[in-house]
């Protein structure tokens, strides 16, 4: 009986010594509290607005030329109609290509976002790693995607601990 009791105590003690916890971090919350991220966001918004204006100007040019063509096409020869249609296609393609270049996945805006946000994300991940190691966490999940978690105990939220370790 003593051996069973001793074995039970040893198992319980060893489990508590080696027990690891699971934590979570609200990544969006952490980002929202970092001043340099707000600066990056504002810069990206400015870049995006400038790109939108440029794309809108291209589409407006196309629309204007298209309206002109529609108004005068009855007066044009077949050859002139073909030239105008070719020009319209070129303008529309330029506008679409510019929009794609700027806003498609992997486009200019996406590249700029990754470039500007990279140091911030690296710092957050470094801080998460430190919190995980210091707190003996088995893993730390991202709770920013609420549809994944049906319930999360707030005592395992390490978001504020992560913020304390960030040097921005």
Protein backbone atom coordinates (compact mmCIF):
# COMPACT_ATOMS: atom_id res chain seq x y z
CA UNK A 1 0.00 0.00 0.00
CA UNK A 2 2.86 2.36 0.83
CA UNK A 3 4.47 1.61 -2.54
CA UNK A 4 1.23 2.44 -4.39
CA UNK A 5 0.80 5.65 -2.39
CA UNK A 6 4.43 6.61 -2.97
CA UNK A 7 4.12 5.85 -6.69
CA UNK A 8 0.94 7.95 -6.90
CA UNK A 9 2.63 10.88 -5.17
CA UNK A 10 5.65 10.61 -7.47
CA UNK A 11 3.39 10.58 -10.55
CA UNK A 12 1.39 13.57 -9.36
CA UNK A 13 4.52 15.56 -8.50
CA UNK A 14 6.23 14.69 -11.78
CA UNK A 15 3.14 15.70 -13.75
CA UNK A 16 2.97 19.07 -12.03
CA UNK A 17 6.70 19.67 -12.51
CA UNK A 18 6.60 18.88 -16.23
CA UNK A 19 3.11 20.21 -16.89
CA UNK A 20 2.90 22.66 -19.72
CA UNK A 21 0.13 25.10 -20.35
CA UNK A 22 -1.54 26.33 -23.47
CA UNK A 23 -1.91 30.06 -23.85
CA UNK A 24 -3.35 32.41 -26.38
CA UNK A 25 -2.66 35.88 -27.66
CA UNK A 26 -5.10 38.25 -29.32
CA UNK A 27 -2.78 39.30 -32.13
CA UNK A 28 -5.10 42.04 -33.40
CA UNK A 29 -5.33 43.50 -29.88
CA UNK A 30 -1.55 43.49 -29.59
CA UNK A 31 -1.19 45.20 -32.99
CA UNK A 32 -3.76 47.84 -32.03
CA UNK A 33 -1.71 48.78 -28.95
CA UNK A 34 1.57 49.31 -30.81
CA UNK A 35 2.03 52.97 -31.81
CA UNK A 36 4.41 52.18 -34.67
CA UNK A 37 1.76 49.90 -36.19
CA UNK A 38 -0.68 52.82 -36.23
CA UNK A 39 1.95 54.89 -38.06
CA UNK A 40 2.47 52.08 -40.59
CA UNK A 41 -1.29 51.75 -41.06
CA UNK A 42 -1.63 55.48 -41.72
CA UNK A 43 1.26 55.38 -44.19
CA UNK A 44 -0.28 52.42 -46.01
CA UNK A 45 -3.65 54.19 -46.13
CA UNK A 46 -1.96 57.17 -47.77
CA UNK A 47 -0.18 54.97 -50.30
CA UNK A 48 -3.43 53.12 -51.03
CA UNK A 49 -5.35 56.37 -51.58
CA UNK A 50 -2.68 57.60 -53.98
CA UNK A 51 -2.84 54.32 -55.90
CA UNK A 52 -6.64 54.43 -56.00
CA UNK A 53 -6.55 57.97 -57.40
CA UNK A 54 -4.17 56.88 -60.14
CA UNK A 55 -6.30 53.87 -61.07
CA UNK A 56 -9.49 55.96 -60.94
CA UNK A 57 -7.90 58.53 -63.25
CA UNK A 58 -7.09 55.77 -65.76
CA UNK A 59 -10.66 54.45 -65.67
CA UNK A 60 -12.04 58.01 -65.99
CA UNK A 61 -9.85 58.56 -69.03
CA UNK A 62 -11.24 55.35 -70.52
CA UNK A 63 -14.84 56.36 -69.69
CA UNK A 64 -14.35 59.81 -71.24
CA UNK A 65 -12.86 58.37 -74.43
CA UNK A 66 -15.60 55.75 -74.58
CA UNK A 67 -18.31 58.40 -74.23
CA UNK A 68 -16.66 60.47 -76.96
CA UNK A 69 -16.57 57.41 -79.19
CA UNK A 70 -20.22 56.57 -78.51
CA UNK A 71 -21.21 60.16 -79.34
CA UNK A 72 -19.32 60.31 -82.63
CA UNK A 73 -19.23 56.71 -83.88
CA UNK A 74 -22.04 57.26 -86.40
CA UNK A 75 -19.87 59.88 -88.08
CA UNK A 76 -16.72 57.74 -88.21
CA UNK A 77 -15.47 55.54 -91.01
CA UNK A 78 -14.98 51.83 -90.33
CA UNK A 79 -11.23 52.35 -90.17
CA UNK A 80 -11.59 55.19 -87.64
CA UNK A 81 -14.00 53.05 -85.57
CA UNK A 82 -11.43 50.24 -85.46
CA UNK A 83 -8.71 52.67 -84.33
CA UNK A 84 -10.94 54.15 -81.63
CA UNK A 85 -11.99 50.69 -80.40
CA UNK A 86 -8.35 49.61 -80.34
CA UNK A 87 -7.48 52.72 -78.33
CA UNK A 88 -10.36 52.05 -75.94
CA UNK A 89 -9.20 48.47 -75.40
CA UNK A 90 -5.67 49.68 -74.76
CA UNK A 91 -6.88 52.26 -72.22
CA UNK A 92 -9.12 49.75 -70.46
CA UNK A 93 -6.30 47.19 -70.33
CA UNK A 94 -3.92 49.82 -68.94
CA UNK A 95 -6.42 50.69 -66.20
CA UNK A 96 -7.07 47.04 -65.32
CA UNK A 97 -3.36 46.18 -65.38
CA UNK A 98 -2.55 49.13 -63.15
CA UNK A 99 -5.26 48.08 -60.68
CA UNK A 100 -3.92 44.53 -60.71
CA UNK A 101 -0.32 45.74 -60.31
CA UNK A 102 -1.26 47.78 -57.26
CA UNK A 103 -3.98 45.78 -55.53
CA UNK A 104 -3.71 42.10 -56.47
CA UNK A 105 -2.24 39.63 -54.01
CA UNK A 106 1.50 40.09 -54.26
CA UNK A 107 0.98 43.51 -55.84
CA UNK A 108 2.72 46.74 -54.97
CA UNK A 109 0.48 47.55 -51.99
CA UNK A 110 0.81 44.04 -50.60
CA UNK A 111 4.60 44.17 -50.95
CA UNK A 112 4.75 47.57 -49.25
CA UNK A 113 2.53 46.32 -46.41
CA UNK A 114 4.77 43.31 -45.80
CA UNK A 115 7.88 45.49 -45.94
CA UNK A 116 6.56 48.02 -43.44
CA UNK A 117 4.91 45.52 -41.10
CA UNK A 118 7.72 42.95 -41.07
CA UNK A 119 9.74 44.46 -38.17
CA UNK A 120 6.58 44.80 -36.08
CA UNK A 121 5.52 41.18 -36.66
CA UNK A 122 9.04 39.96 -35.94
CA UNK A 123 9.05 41.87 -32.64
CA UNK A 124 5.64 40.46 -31.67
CA UNK A 125 6.73 36.91 -32.49
CA UNK A 126 9.94 37.40 -30.49
CA UNK A 127 7.89 38.61 -27.51
CA UNK A 128 5.45 35.70 -27.84
CA UNK A 129 8.36 33.29 -27.89
CA UNK A 130 9.84 34.83 -24.72
CA UNK A 131 6.49 34.71 -22.92
CA UNK A 132 6.04 31.10 -24.02
CA UNK A 133 9.47 30.04 -22.79
CA UNK A 134 9.30 31.97 -19.52
CA UNK A 135 5.76 30.75 -18.75
CA UNK A 136 6.46 27.14 -19.74
CA UNK A 137 3.70 27.18 -22.35
CA UNK A 138 3.42 24.19 -24.66
CA UNK A 139 1.98 26.53 -27.26
CA UNK A 140 0.44 29.95 -27.65
CA UNK A 141 -2.40 30.22 -30.13
CA UNK A 142 -3.68 33.28 -31.99
CA UNK A 143 -7.19 34.04 -30.76
CA UNK A 144 -7.81 36.87 -33.22
CA UNK A 145 -9.79 34.46 -35.34
CA UNK A 146 -12.81 34.03 -33.08
CA UNK A 147 -14.46 31.41 -35.27
CA UNK A 148 -11.78 28.90 -34.24
CA UNK A 149 -12.26 29.21 -30.48
CA UNK A 150 -15.62 28.57 -28.90
CA UNK A 151 -14.33 29.31 -25.41
CA UNK A 152 -11.05 30.59 -24.08
CA UNK A 153 -10.32 30.97 -20.39
CA UNK A 154 -9.09 34.56 -19.87
CA UNK A 155 -6.45 33.44 -17.39
CA UNK A 156 -4.50 31.94 -20.32
CA UNK A 157 -4.54 35.19 -22.31
CA UNK A 158 -0.92 36.33 -22.58
CA UNK A 159 -1.61 39.37 -24.81
CA UNK A 160 -0.67 41.92 -22.14
CA UNK A 161 2.45 39.93 -21.22
CA UNK A 162 3.47 40.06 -24.88
CA UNK A 163 2.87 43.83 -25.01
CA UNK A 164 5.16 44.31 -21.98
CA UNK A 165 8.01 42.63 -23.87
CA UNK A 166 7.65 44.63 -27.07
CA UNK A 167 10.27 47.34 -27.48
CA UNK A 168 8.38 49.65 -29.86
